[in-house]
Amino acid sequence: MLMRVAQRLLSMLITLFGVSVIIFLVLRLLPGNAVTASLGVSAGLLNHAQLAALDRYYGIGEPFLQQYGSWLGSMLTGNLGVSLSSQTSVASLIATALPVTLELAIASMVIGELLGVLFGVFGALRPGRIVDSIGRGVSVLGLGVPSFVIGTGLVTLLASEFHYFPSSLGFASLTQDPWLNLQQIFFPALTLGLGIGAAIMRTTRAAMLEVIGLNYSRTARGKGLSKRAVIWKHLFLGALVPVVTMSGIQLGYLLGGTVVVEEIFVLPGLGRLLISAINDRDFPVVQSVTLIFAAGFVIVNMLTDVLYTLIDPRTRAS
């Protein structure tokens, strides 16, 4: 087990290094830079010496390798740099936005797991019945309609028909105003949770249908165990590995999927911070936030791998 974790950690570090290189190169291949983003058309009025001075000031006039080495060295020491647009430390911006994204991700996963597991289990127990039909309908909606379309429709419906849009009051943290925070988080979490729940529901239903006909499930029923015990202690546990795997995949993608939803629902999380930084060509912020999303994805996948190894001992030999 320790060797497996060590291998995963090494693979994670290599992946993050590769991601950091790709992020760095892609940002500098895009047209425009911090100077043109901050000055706009006025940058065309500057002479060569003025542009060179601004490039040195923003740290974008050096060769790529030197810029990357400086950024990577600073990042490894905990210094994420300073935002070029707001002149605020990137670490403080991330520290403010990260709790919002984490809260949204956790709420979305709770909704997705509840929808996916419940509809998947009961749909498999009663295939073709009303619960199964509703579950499959929800899965088609969650998988077929993009989250930004669902989110935009929810905002339009709530604002135009019910004159209700709690995010217009300014974001309130869970400690400041729990009730307002719940209202502001619920609808974006529901938007993301539908897609998560759809994938988990399909996986749960297929896994449950597979284990229902196995010998140990018939043996459990033959021993006279209660229906609830058979469902949750035998059937569901037998189907747990693919469900955990799919949940981990969905959580990894969710960390990046919050970008558009946060913008739609005006949540001051990492997603909105990233979009604003891209528009401003704010390289330090874009690099750091994107790397955080990548780190979250690979960490979740590593933990998922370790978790289903603990759940199913048969995978330990692989």
C-alpha atoms as a PDB file:
ATOM      1  CA  MET A   1       0.000   0.000   0.000  1.00  0.00           C
ATOM      2  CA  LEU A   2       2.797   2.423   0.909  1.00  0.00           C
ATOM      3  CA  MET A   3       4.577   1.661  -2.357  1.00  0.00           C
ATOM      4  CA  ARG A   4       1.370   2.312  -4.284  1.00  0.00           C
ATOM      5  CA  VAL A   5       0.875   5.666  -2.537  1.00  0.00           C
ATOM      6  CA  ALA A   6       4.519   6.595  -3.202  1.00  0.00           C
ATOM      7  CA  GLN A   7       4.114   5.779  -6.898  1.00  0.00           C
ATOM      8  CA  ARG A   8       0.965   7.872  -7.056  1.00  0.00           C
ATOM      9  CA  LEU A   9       2.694  10.802  -5.351  1.00  0.00           C
ATOM     10  CA  LEU A  10       5.577  10.662  -7.826  1.00  0.00           C
ATOM     11  CA  SER A  11       3.149  10.485 -10.743  1.00  0.00           C
ATOM     12  CA  MET A  12       1.230  13.440  -9.285  1.00  0.00           C
ATOM     13  CA  LEU A  13       4.377  15.573  -9.040  1.00  0.00           C
ATOM     14  CA  ILE A  14       5.377  14.751 -12.625  1.00  0.00           C
ATOM     15  CA  THR A  15       1.867  15.602 -13.836  1.00  0.00           C
ATOM     16  CA  LEU A  16       1.832  18.930 -12.010  1.00  0.00           C
ATOM     17  CA  PHE A  17       5.252  19.805 -13.420  1.00  0.00           C
ATOM     18  CA  GLY A  18       4.011  19.097 -16.933  1.00  0.00           C
ATOM     19  CA  VAL A  19       0.859  21.134 -16.326  1.00  0.00           C
ATOM     20  CA  SER A  20       2.900  24.070 -15.040  1.00  0.00           C
ATOM     21  CA  VAL A  21       5.050  24.045 -18.192  1.00  0.00           C
ATOM     22  CA  ILE A  22       2.005  23.884 -20.482  1.00  0.00           C
ATOM     23  CA  ILE A  23       0.219  26.692 -18.613  1.00  0.00           C
ATOM     24  CA  PHE A  24       3.296  28.888 -18.753  1.00  0.00           C
ATOM     25  CA  LEU A  25       3.858  28.378 -22.471  1.00  0.00           C
ATOM     26  CA  VAL A  26       0.212  28.699 -23.537  1.00  0.00           C
ATOM     27  CA  LEU A  27      -0.260  31.977 -21.677  1.00  0.00           C
ATOM     28  CA  ARG A  28       2.736  33.506 -23.400  1.00  0.00           C
ATOM     29  CA  LEU A  29       1.639  32.333 -26.828  1.00  0.00           C
ATOM     30  CA  LEU A  30      -1.669  34.161 -26.484  1.00  0.00           C
ATOM     31  CA  PRO A  31      -1.895  37.593 -28.144  1.00  0.00           C
ATOM     32  CA  GLY A  32      -1.459  40.543 -25.808  1.00  0.00           C
ATOM     33  CA  ASN A  33       0.163  40.812 -22.420  1.00  0.00           C
ATOM     34  CA  ALA A  34      -0.187  42.650 -19.132  1.00  0.00           C
ATOM     35  CA  VAL A  35       0.884  45.952 -20.710  1.00  0.00           C
ATOM     36  CA  THR A  36      -1.709  45.910 -23.496  1.00  0.00           C
ATOM     37  CA  ALA A  37      -4.369  44.584 -21.091  1.00  0.00           C
ATOM     38  CA  SER A  38      -3.799  47.443 -18.629  1.00  0.00           C
ATOM     39  CA  LEU A  39      -3.292  50.285 -21.146  1.00  0.00           C
ATOM     40  CA  GLY A  40      -5.477  49.091 -24.017  1.00  0.00           C
ATOM     41  CA  VAL A  41      -5.060  51.073 -27.248  1.00  0.00           C
ATOM     42  CA  SER A  42      -2.925  53.595 -25.358  1.00  0.00           C
ATOM     43  CA  ALA A  43      -0.090  51.049 -25.430  1.00  0.00           C
ATOM     44  CA  GLY A  44       0.324  51.859 -29.128  1.00  0.00           C
ATOM     45  CA  LEU A  45       1.346  55.416 -28.235  1.00  0.00           C
ATOM     46  CA  LEU A  46       4.381  54.277 -26.225  1.00  0.00           C
ATOM     47  CA  ASN A  47       7.847  54.207 -27.728  1.00  0.00           C
ATOM     48  CA  HIS A  48      10.185  51.217 -27.637  1.00  0.00           C
ATOM     49  CA  ALA A  49      12.025  52.333 -24.504  1.00  0.00           C
ATOM     50  CA  GLN A  50       8.788  52.861 -22.578  1.00  0.00           C
ATOM     51  CA  LEU A  51       7.467  49.450 -23.636  1.00  0.00           C
ATOM     52  CA  ALA A  52      10.739  47.803 -22.621  1.00  0.00           C
ATOM     53  CA  ALA A  53      10.589  49.492 -19.203  1.00  0.00           C
ATOM     54  CA  LEU A  54       7.026  48.280 -18.668  1.00  0.00           C
ATOM     55  CA  ASP A  55       7.999  44.749 -19.748  1.00  0.00           C
ATOM     56  CA  ARG A  56      10.755  44.743 -17.123  1.00  0.00           C
ATOM     57  CA  TYR A  57       8.351  46.125 -14.514  1.00  0.00           C
ATOM     58  CA  TYR A  58       5.771  43.403 -15.187  1.00  0.00           C
ATOM     59  CA  GLY A  59       8.464  40.731 -15.447  1.00  0.00           C
ATOM     60  CA  ILE A  60       7.531  39.732 -18.987  1.00  0.00           C
ATOM     61  CA  GLY A  61      10.583  41.026 -20.822  1.00  0.00           C
ATOM     62  CA  GLU A  62      12.928  38.207 -19.829  1.00  0.00           C
ATOM     63  CA  PRO A  63      13.469  34.959 -21.800  1.00  0.00           C
ATOM     64  CA  PHE A  64      10.850  32.253 -21.264  1.00  0.00           C
ATOM     65  CA  LEU A  65      13.152  29.892 -19.383  1.00  0.00           C
ATOM     66  CA  GLN A  66      14.250  32.632 -17.022  1.00  0.00           C
ATOM     67  CA  GLN A  67      10.624  33.675 -16.398  1.00  0.00           C
ATOM     68  CA  TYR A  68       9.572  30.068 -15.785  1.00  0.00           C
ATOM     69  CA  GLY A  69      12.494  29.350 -13.462  1.00  0.00           C
ATOM     70  CA  SER A  70      11.801  32.495 -11.453  1.00  0.00           C
ATOM     71  CA  TRP A  71       8.080  31.664 -11.163  1.00  0.00           C
ATOM     72  CA  LEU A  72       8.650  28.015 -10.275  1.00  0.00           C
ATOM     73  CA  GLY A  73      11.299  28.862  -7.679  1.00  0.00           C
ATOM     74  CA  SER A  74       9.061  31.458  -6.039  1.00  0.00           C
ATOM     75  CA  MET A  75       6.078  29.104  -6.072  1.00  0.00           C
ATOM     76  CA  LEU A  76       8.032  26.302  -4.370  1.00  0.00           C
ATOM     77  CA  THR A  77       8.873  28.697  -1.537  1.00  0.00           C
ATOM     78  CA  GLY A  78       5.212  29.673  -1.116  1.00  0.00           C
ATOM     79  CA  ASN A  79       5.470  32.997  -2.945  1.00  0.00           C
ATOM     80  CA  LEU A  80       2.816  33.014  -5.673  1.00  0.00           C
ATOM     81  CA  GLY A  81       3.699  36.521  -6.778  1.00  0.00           C
ATOM     82  CA  VAL A  82       1.682  39.711  -7.095  1.00  0.00           C
ATOM     83  CA  SER A  83      -1.376  40.271  -9.262  1.00  0.00           C
ATOM     84  CA  LEU A  84      -0.473  42.519 -12.190  1.00  0.00           C
ATOM     85  CA  SER A  85      -3.936  44.069 -12.321  1.00  0.00           C
ATOM     86  CA  SER A  86      -4.739  44.660  -8.633  1.00  0.00           C
ATOM     87  CA  GLN A  87      -1.201  44.792  -7.201  1.00  0.00           C
ATOM     88  CA  THR A  88      -2.384  42.377  -4.485  1.00  0.00           C
ATOM     89  CA  SER A  89      -0.570  39.189  -3.519  1.00  0.00           C
ATOM     90  CA  VAL A  90      -1.880  36.182  -5.443  1.00  0.00           C
ATOM     91  CA  ALA A  91      -1.881  34.129  -2.245  1.00  0.00           C
ATOM     92  CA  SER A  92      -4.326  36.527  -0.558  1.00  0.00           C
ATOM     93  CA  LEU A  93      -6.626  36.523  -3.601  1.00  0.00           C
ATOM     94  CA  ILE A  94      -6.658  32.720  -3.637  1.00  0.00           C
ATOM     95  CA  ALA A  95      -7.171  32.538   0.134  1.00  0.00           C
ATOM     96  CA  THR A  96     -10.317  34.671  -0.265  1.00  0.00           C
ATOM     97  CA  ALA A  97     -11.727  32.803  -3.275  1.00  0.00           C
ATOM     98  CA  LEU A  98     -10.810  29.201  -2.431  1.00  0.00           C
ATOM     99  CA  PRO A  99     -13.333  28.701   0.437  1.00  0.00           C
ATOM    100  CA  VAL A 100     -16.191  29.738  -1.880  1.00  0.00           C
ATOM    101  CA  THR A 101     -15.175  27.196  -4.528  1.00  0.00           C
ATOM    102  CA  LEU A 102     -14.663  24.443  -1.945  1.00  0.00           C
ATOM    103  CA  GLU A 103     -18.086  25.101  -0.408  1.00  0.00           C
ATOM    104  CA  LEU A 104     -19.702  25.004  -3.835  1.00  0.00           C
ATOM    105  CA  ALA A 105     -17.864  21.787  -4.731  1.00  0.00           C
ATOM    106  CA  ILE A 106     -18.850  20.051  -1.483  1.00  0.00           C
ATOM    107  CA  ALA A 107     -22.502  21.113  -1.793  1.00  0.00           C
ATOM    108  CA  SER A 108     -22.582  19.976  -5.429  1.00  0.00           C
ATOM    109  CA  MET A 109     -21.109  16.587  -4.540  1.00  0.00           C
ATOM    110  CA  VAL A 110     -23.635  16.097  -1.722  1.00  0.00           C
ATOM    111  CA  ILE A 111     -26.533  16.829  -4.080  1.00  0.00           C
ATOM    112  CA  GLY A 112     -25.016  14.700  -6.851  1.00  0.00           C
ATOM    113  CA  GLU A 113     -24.346  11.746  -4.558  1.00  0.00           C
ATOM    114  CA  LEU A 114     -27.839  11.833  -3.090  1.00  0.00           C
ATOM    115  CA  LEU A 115     -29.506  12.014  -6.499  1.00  0.00           C
ATOM    116  CA  GLY A 116     -27.188   9.489  -8.114  1.00  0.00           C
ATOM    117  CA  VAL A 117     -27.097   6.838  -5.403  1.00  0.00           C
ATOM    118  CA  LEU A 118     -30.779   6.942  -4.478  1.00  0.00           C
ATOM    119  CA  PHE A 119     -32.130   6.931  -8.037  1.00  0.00           C
ATOM    120  CA  GLY A 120     -29.478   4.380  -9.082  1.00  0.00           C
ATOM    121  CA  VAL A 121     -30.211   1.941  -6.268  1.00  0.00           C
ATOM    122  CA  PHE A 122     -33.994   2.107  -6.386  1.00  0.00           C
ATOM    123  CA  GLY A 123     -33.992   2.200 -10.194  1.00  0.00           C
ATOM    124  CA  ALA A 124     -32.005  -1.030 -10.272  1.00  0.00           C
ATOM    125  CA  LEU A 125     -34.304  -2.665  -7.726  1.00  0.00           C
ATOM    126  CA  ARG A 126     -37.402  -1.706  -9.744  1.00  0.00           C
ATOM    127  CA  PRO A 127     -36.309  -1.407 -13.389  1.00  0.00           C
ATOM    128  CA  GLY A 128     -38.906   0.165 -15.625  1.00  0.00           C
ATOM    129  CA  ARG A 129     -40.975   1.511 -12.721  1.00  0.00           C
ATOM    130  CA  ILE A 130     -41.734   5.172 -12.025  1.00  0.00           C
ATOM    131  CA  VAL A 131     -38.600   5.797  -9.912  1.00  0.00           C
ATOM    132  CA  ASP A 132     -36.382   4.277 -12.577  1.00  0.00           C
ATOM    133  CA  SER A 133     -38.059   6.352 -15.290  1.00  0.00           C
ATOM    134  CA  ILE A 134     -37.626   9.570 -13.284  1.00  0.00           C
ATOM    135  CA  GLY A 135     -33.997   8.722 -12.599  1.00  0.00           C
ATOM    136  CA  ARG A 136     -33.227   8.057 -16.234  1.00  0.00           C
ATOM    137  CA  GLY A 137     -34.990  11.288 -17.185  1.00  0.00           C
ATOM    138  CA  VAL A 138     -32.857  13.241 -14.714  1.00  0.00           C
ATOM    139  CA  SER A 139     -29.734  11.530 -16.042  1.00  0.00           C
ATOM    140  CA  VAL A 140     -30.575  12.530 -19.622  1.00  0.00           C
ATOM    141  CA  LEU A 141     -31.050  16.132 -18.465  1.00  0.00           C
ATOM    142  CA  GLY A 142     -27.843  16.148 -16.436  1.00  0.00           C
ATOM    143  CA  LEU A 143     -25.688  14.542 -19.118  1.00  0.00           C
ATOM    144  CA  GLY A 144     -27.268  16.097 -22.195  1.00  0.00           C
ATOM    145  CA  VAL A 145     -27.640  19.725 -21.133  1.00  0.00           C
ATOM    146  CA  PRO A 146     -24.465  21.699 -20.301  1.00  0.00           C
ATOM    147  CA  SER A 147     -24.248  23.186 -16.829  1.00  0.00           C
ATOM    148  CA  PHE A 148     -24.033  26.729 -18.167  1.00  0.00           C
ATOM    149  CA  VAL A 149     -27.354  26.268 -19.987  1.00  0.00           C
ATOM    150  CA  ILE A 150     -29.027  24.911 -16.838  1.00  0.00           C
ATOM    151  CA  GLY A 151     -27.498  27.700 -14.758  1.00  0.00           C
ATOM    152  CA  THR A 152     -28.543  30.424 -17.170  1.00  0.00           C
ATOM    153  CA  GLY A 153     -32.077  29.020 -17.280  1.00  0.00           C
ATOM    154  CA  LEU A 154     -32.282  28.935 -13.475  1.00  0.00           C
ATOM    155  CA  VAL A 155     -31.037  32.513 -13.136  1.00  0.00           C
ATOM    156  CA  THR A 156     -33.470  33.726 -15.794  1.00  0.00           C
ATOM    157  CA  LEU A 157     -36.402  31.886 -14.222  1.00  0.00           C
ATOM    158  CA  LEU A 158     -35.654  33.001 -10.664  1.00  0.00           C
ATOM    159  CA  ALA A 159     -34.896  36.620 -11.532  1.00  0.00           C
ATOM    160  CA  SER A 160     -37.613  37.302 -14.115  1.00  0.00           C
ATOM    161  CA  GLU A 161     -40.486  35.207 -12.802  1.00  0.00           C
ATOM    162  CA  PHE A 162     -39.877  35.223  -9.035  1.00  0.00           C
ATOM    163  CA  HIS A 163     -37.710  38.369  -8.708  1.00  0.00           C
ATOM    164  CA  TYR A 164     -35.338  36.268  -6.632  1.00  0.00           C
ATOM    165  CA  PHE A 165     -31.566  36.382  -7.018  1.00  0.00           C
ATOM    166  CA  PRO A 166     -29.807  36.195  -3.634  1.00  0.00           C
ATOM    167  CA  SER A 167     -26.339  36.760  -5.105  1.00  0.00           C
ATOM    168  CA  SER A 168     -27.303  40.366  -5.889  1.00  0.00           C
ATOM    169  CA  LEU A 169     -26.992  41.095  -2.145  1.00  0.00           C
ATOM    170  CA  GLY A 170     -23.267  40.392  -2.135  1.00  0.00           C
ATOM    171  CA  PHE A 171     -21.758  37.086  -1.123  1.00  0.00           C
ATOM    172  CA  ALA A 172     -22.146  36.137   2.541  1.00  0.00           C
ATOM    173  CA  SER A 173     -19.893  33.488   4.031  1.00  0.00           C
ATOM    174  CA  LEU A 174     -21.250  30.634   6.101  1.00  0.00           C
ATOM    175  CA  THR A 175     -20.060  32.309   9.294  1.00  0.00           C
ATOM    176  CA  GLN A 176     -21.468  35.749   8.424  1.00  0.00           C
ATOM    177  CA  ASP A 177     -25.013  34.813   7.398  1.00  0.00           C
ATOM    178  CA  PRO A 178     -25.691  31.050   7.166  1.00  0.00           C
ATOM    179  CA  TRP A 179     -29.206  31.422   5.713  1.00  0.00           C
ATOM    180  CA  LEU A 180     -28.176  33.844   2.963  1.00  0.00           C
ATOM    181  CA  ASN A 181     -25.106  31.724   2.243  1.00  0.00           C
ATOM    182  CA  LEU A 182     -27.304  28.636   1.838  1.00  0.00           C
ATOM    183  CA  GLN A 183     -29.555  30.468  -0.629  1.00  0.00           C
ATOM    184  CA  GLN A 184     -26.570  31.694  -2.639  1.00  0.00           C
ATOM    185  CA  ILE A 185     -24.903  28.286  -2.798  1.00  0.00           C
ATOM    186  CA  PHE A 186     -27.932  26.021  -3.320  1.00  0.00           C
ATOM    187  CA  PHE A 187     -28.862  26.866  -6.934  1.00  0.00           C
ATOM    188  CA  PRO A 188     -25.322  26.797  -8.391  1.00  0.00           C
ATOM    189  CA  ALA A 189     -24.741  23.569  -6.432  1.00  0.00           C
ATOM    190  CA  LEU A 190     -27.950  22.141  -7.894  1.00  0.00           C
ATOM    191  CA  THR A 191     -26.782  23.152 -11.386  1.00  0.00           C
ATOM    192  CA  LEU A 192     -23.521  21.253 -10.978  1.00  0.00           C
ATOM    193  CA  GLY A 193     -25.089  18.453  -8.926  1.00  0.00           C
ATOM    194  CA  LEU A 194     -27.445  17.451 -11.755  1.00  0.00           C
ATOM    195  CA  GLY A 195     -24.534  16.541 -14.008  1.00  0.00           C
ATOM    196  CA  ILE A 196     -22.689  14.748 -11.209  1.00  0.00           C
ATOM    197  CA  GLY A 197     -25.792  12.873 -10.118  1.00  0.00           C
ATOM    198  CA  ALA A 198     -26.547  11.777 -13.684  1.00  0.00           C
ATOM    199  CA  ALA A 199     -23.158  10.086 -14.094  1.00  0.00           C
ATOM    200  CA  ILE A 200     -23.249   8.512 -10.629  1.00  0.00           C
ATOM    201  CA  MET A 201     -26.837   7.326 -11.129  1.00  0.00           C
ATOM    202  CA  ARG A 202     -25.979   5.479 -14.329  1.00  0.00           C
ATOM    203  CA  THR A 203     -22.908   3.890 -12.734  1.00  0.00           C
ATOM    204  CA  THR A 204     -24.792   2.904  -9.569  1.00  0.00           C
ATOM    205  CA  ARG A 205     -27.713   1.436 -11.504  1.00  0.00           C
ATOM    206  CA  ALA A 206     -25.465  -0.622 -13.786  1.00  0.00           C
ATOM    207  CA  ALA A 207     -23.333  -1.873 -10.871  1.00  0.00           C
ATOM    208  CA  MET A 208     -26.402  -2.789  -8.807  1.00  0.00           C
ATOM    209  CA  LEU A 209     -27.995  -4.683 -11.683  1.00  0.00           C
ATOM    210  CA  GLU A 210     -24.755  -6.634 -12.052  1.00  0.00           C
ATOM    211  CA  VAL A 211     -24.490  -7.697  -8.400  1.00  0.00           C
ATOM    212  CA  ILE A 212     -28.200  -8.445  -7.913  1.00  0.00           C
ATOM    213  CA  GLY A 213     -27.885 -11.718  -9.795  1.00  0.00           C
ATOM    214  CA  LEU A 214     -24.674 -12.893  -8.118  1.00  0.00           C
ATOM    215  CA  ASN A 215     -24.581 -15.856  -5.744  1.00  0.00           C
ATOM    216  CA  TYR A 216     -23.822 -13.927  -2.567  1.00  0.00           C
ATOM    217  CA  SER A 217     -26.874 -11.696  -2.977  1.00  0.00           C
ATOM    218  CA  ARG A 218     -29.128 -14.749  -3.343  1.00  0.00           C
ATOM    219  CA  THR A 219     -27.418 -16.304  -0.324  1.00  0.00           C
ATOM    220  CA  ALA A 220     -28.032 -13.182   1.758  1.00  0.00           C
ATOM    221  CA  ARG A 221     -31.720 -13.227   0.866  1.00  0.00           C
ATOM    222  CA  GLY A 222     -31.879 -16.966   1.598  1.00  0.00           C
ATOM    223  CA  LYS A 223     -30.501 -16.404   5.111  1.00  0.00           C
ATOM    224  CA  GLY A 224     -33.590 -14.385   5.949  1.00  0.00           C
ATOM    225  CA  LEU A 225     -31.868 -10.988   6.237  1.00  0.00           C
ATOM    226  CA  SER A 226     -34.092  -7.939   6.070  1.00  0.00           C
ATOM    227  CA  LYS A 227     -34.575  -6.278   2.716  1.00  0.00           C
ATOM    228  CA  ARG A 228     -32.795  -3.120   3.892  1.00  0.00           C
ATOM    229  CA  ALA A 229     -29.775  -5.118   5.095  1.00  0.00           C
ATOM    230  CA  VAL A 230     -29.559  -6.997   1.798  1.00  0.00           C
ATOM    231  CA  ILE A 231     -29.748  -3.772  -0.234  1.00  0.00           C
ATOM    232  CA  TRP A 232     -27.282  -1.595   1.668  1.00  0.00           C
ATOM    233  CA  LYS A 233     -24.932  -4.096   3.373  1.00  0.00           C
ATOM    234  CA  HIS A 234     -24.573  -6.555   0.528  1.00  0.00           C
ATOM    235  CA  LEU A 235     -25.766  -5.250  -2.831  1.00  0.00           C
ATOM    236  CA  PHE A 236     -24.656  -1.639  -2.510  1.00  0.00           C
ATOM    237  CA  LEU A 237     -21.316  -2.524  -0.904  1.00  0.00           C
ATOM    238  CA  GLY A 238     -20.718  -4.986  -3.705  1.00  0.00           C
ATOM    239  CA  ALA A 239     -21.319  -2.223  -6.241  1.00  0.00           C
ATOM    240  CA  LEU A 240     -19.331   0.397  -4.334  1.00  0.00           C
ATOM    241  CA  VAL A 241     -16.021   0.301  -6.245  1.00  0.00           C
ATOM    242  CA  PRO A 242     -17.326   1.674  -9.586  1.00  0.00           C
ATOM    243  CA  VAL A 243     -19.488   4.191  -7.696  1.00  0.00           C
ATOM    244  CA  VAL A 244     -16.477   5.483  -5.746  1.00  0.00           C
ATOM    245  CA  THR A 245     -14.424   5.627  -8.925  1.00  0.00           C
ATOM    246  CA  MET A 246     -17.068   7.639 -10.772  1.00  0.00           C
ATOM    247  CA  SER A 247     -17.528   9.943  -7.764  1.00  0.00           C
ATOM    248  CA  GLY A 248     -13.807  10.677  -7.712  1.00  0.00           C
ATOM    249  CA  ILE A 249     -13.766  11.431 -11.429  1.00  0.00           C
ATOM    250  CA  GLN A 250     -16.758  13.745 -11.096  1.00  0.00           C
ATOM    251  CA  LEU A 251     -15.217  15.567  -8.133  1.00  0.00           C
ATOM    252  CA  GLY A 252     -12.010  16.105 -10.079  1.00  0.00           C
ATOM    253  CA  TYR A 253     -13.849  17.569 -13.061  1.00  0.00           C
ATOM    254  CA  LEU A 254     -16.096  19.556 -10.741  1.00  0.00           C
ATOM    255  CA  LEU A 255     -13.190  21.663  -9.470  1.00  0.00           C
ATOM    256  CA  GLY A 256     -12.687  23.013 -12.975  1.00  0.00           C
ATOM    257  CA  GLY A 257     -16.382  23.033 -13.851  1.00  0.00           C
ATOM    258  CA  THR A 258     -17.122  25.657 -11.219  1.00  0.00           C
ATOM    259  CA  VAL A 259     -15.532  28.323 -13.449  1.00  0.00           C
ATOM    260  CA  VAL A 260     -18.563  29.035 -15.640  1.00  0.00           C
ATOM    261  CA  VAL A 261     -21.170  28.428 -12.923  1.00  0.00           C
ATOM    262  CA  GLU A 262     -19.483  30.873 -10.547  1.00  0.00           C
ATOM    263  CA  GLU A 263     -19.560  33.507 -13.260  1.00  0.00           C
ATOM    264  CA  ILE A 264     -23.258  32.899 -13.969  1.00  0.00           C
ATOM    265  CA  PHE A 265     -24.271  33.032 -10.296  1.00  0.00           C
ATOM    266  CA  VAL A 266     -21.807  35.824  -9.373  1.00  0.00           C
ATOM    267  CA  LEU A 267     -19.936  33.780  -6.777  1.00  0.00           C
ATOM    268  CA  PRO A 268     -16.499  35.204  -5.849  1.00  0.00           C
ATOM    269  CA  GLY A 269     -14.682  31.889  -6.130  1.00  0.00           C
ATOM    270  CA  LEU A 270     -11.613  30.704  -8.006  1.00  0.00           C
ATOM    271  CA  GLY A 271     -13.603  30.415 -11.236  1.00  0.00           C
ATOM    272  CA  ARG A 272     -14.508  34.112 -11.389  1.00  0.00           C
ATOM    273  CA  LEU A 273     -10.998  35.009 -10.280  1.00  0.00           C
ATOM    274  CA  LEU A 274      -9.592  32.954 -13.162  1.00  0.00           C
ATOM    275  CA  ILE A 275     -11.886  34.509 -15.783  1.00  0.00           C
ATOM    276  CA  SER A 276     -11.062  38.025 -14.592  1.00  0.00           C
ATOM    277  CA  ALA A 277      -7.333  37.245 -14.612  1.00  0.00           C
ATOM    278  CA  ILE A 278      -7.511  35.847 -18.171  1.00  0.00           C
ATOM    279  CA  ASN A 279      -9.237  39.002 -19.390  1.00  0.00           C
ATOM    280  CA  ASP A 280      -6.563  41.141 -17.727  1.00  0.00           C
ATOM    281  CA  ARG A 281      -3.680  38.934 -18.938  1.00  0.00           C
ATOM    282  CA  ASP A 282      -2.765  38.603 -15.276  1.00  0.00           C
ATOM    283  CA  PHE A 283      -0.249  35.791 -15.685  1.00  0.00           C
ATOM    284  CA  PRO A 284       0.631  35.172 -12.008  1.00  0.00           C
ATOM    285  CA  VAL A 285      -3.027  34.724 -11.047  1.00  0.00           C
ATOM    286  CA  VAL A 286      -3.909  32.544 -14.066  1.00  0.00           C
ATOM    287  CA  GLN A 287      -0.879  30.302 -13.543  1.00  0.00           C
ATOM    288  CA  SER A 288      -1.513  29.809  -9.830  1.00  0.00           C
ATOM    289  CA  VAL A 289      -5.281  29.239 -10.055  1.00  0.00           C
ATOM    290  CA  THR A 290      -4.968  26.822 -12.981  1.00  0.00           C
ATOM    291  CA  LEU A 291      -2.288  24.885 -11.143  1.00  0.00           C
ATOM    292  CA  ILE A 292      -4.564  24.676  -8.081  1.00  0.00           C
ATOM    293  CA  PHE A 293      -7.346  23.194 -10.236  1.00  0.00           C
ATOM    294  CA  ALA A 294      -4.878  20.695 -11.722  1.00  0.00           C
ATOM    295  CA  ALA A 295      -3.530  19.799  -8.275  1.00  0.00           C
ATOM    296  CA  GLY A 296      -7.070  19.271  -6.986  1.00  0.00           C
ATOM    297  CA  PHE A 297      -7.844  16.955  -9.887  1.00  0.00           C
ATOM    298  CA  VAL A 298      -4.780  14.729  -9.468  1.00  0.00           C
ATOM    299  CA  ILE A 299      -5.072  14.650  -5.659  1.00  0.00           C
ATOM    300  CA  VAL A 300      -8.717  13.568  -5.850  1.00  0.00           C
ATOM    301  CA  ASN A 301      -7.855  10.831  -8.341  1.00  0.00           C
ATOM    302  CA  MET A 302      -5.006   9.606  -6.146  1.00  0.00           C
ATOM    303  CA  LEU A 303      -7.238   9.495  -3.074  1.00  0.00           C
ATOM    304  CA  THR A 304      -9.925   7.695  -5.078  1.00  0.00           C
ATOM    305  CA  ASP A 305      -7.426   5.067  -6.169  1.00  0.00           C
ATOM    306  CA  VAL A 306      -6.294   4.530  -2.584  1.00  0.00           C
ATOM    307  CA  LEU A 307      -9.894   4.438  -1.340  1.00  0.00           C
ATOM    308  CA  TYR A 308     -11.151   1.747  -3.671  1.00  0.00           C
ATOM    309  CA  THR A 309      -7.987  -0.244  -2.963  1.00  0.00           C
ATOM    310  CA  LEU A 310      -9.067  -0.244   0.683  1.00  0.00           C
ATOM    311  CA  ILE A 311     -12.662  -1.101  -0.270  1.00  0.00           C
ATOM    312  CA  ASP A 312     -11.760  -3.991  -2.593  1.00  0.00           C
ATOM    313  CA  PRO A 313      -8.673  -6.014  -1.512  1.00  0.00           C
ATOM    314  CA  ARG A 314      -8.577  -7.702  -4.921  1.00  0.00           C
ATOM    315  CA  THR A 315      -7.158  -4.504  -6.453  1.00  0.00           C
ATOM    316  CA  ARG A 316      -4.133  -4.433  -4.137  1.00  0.00           C
ATOM    317  CA  ALA A 317      -2.269  -6.976  -6.195  1.00  0.00           C
ATOM    318  CA  SER A 318      -2.616  -4.956  -9.385  1.00  0.00           C
END
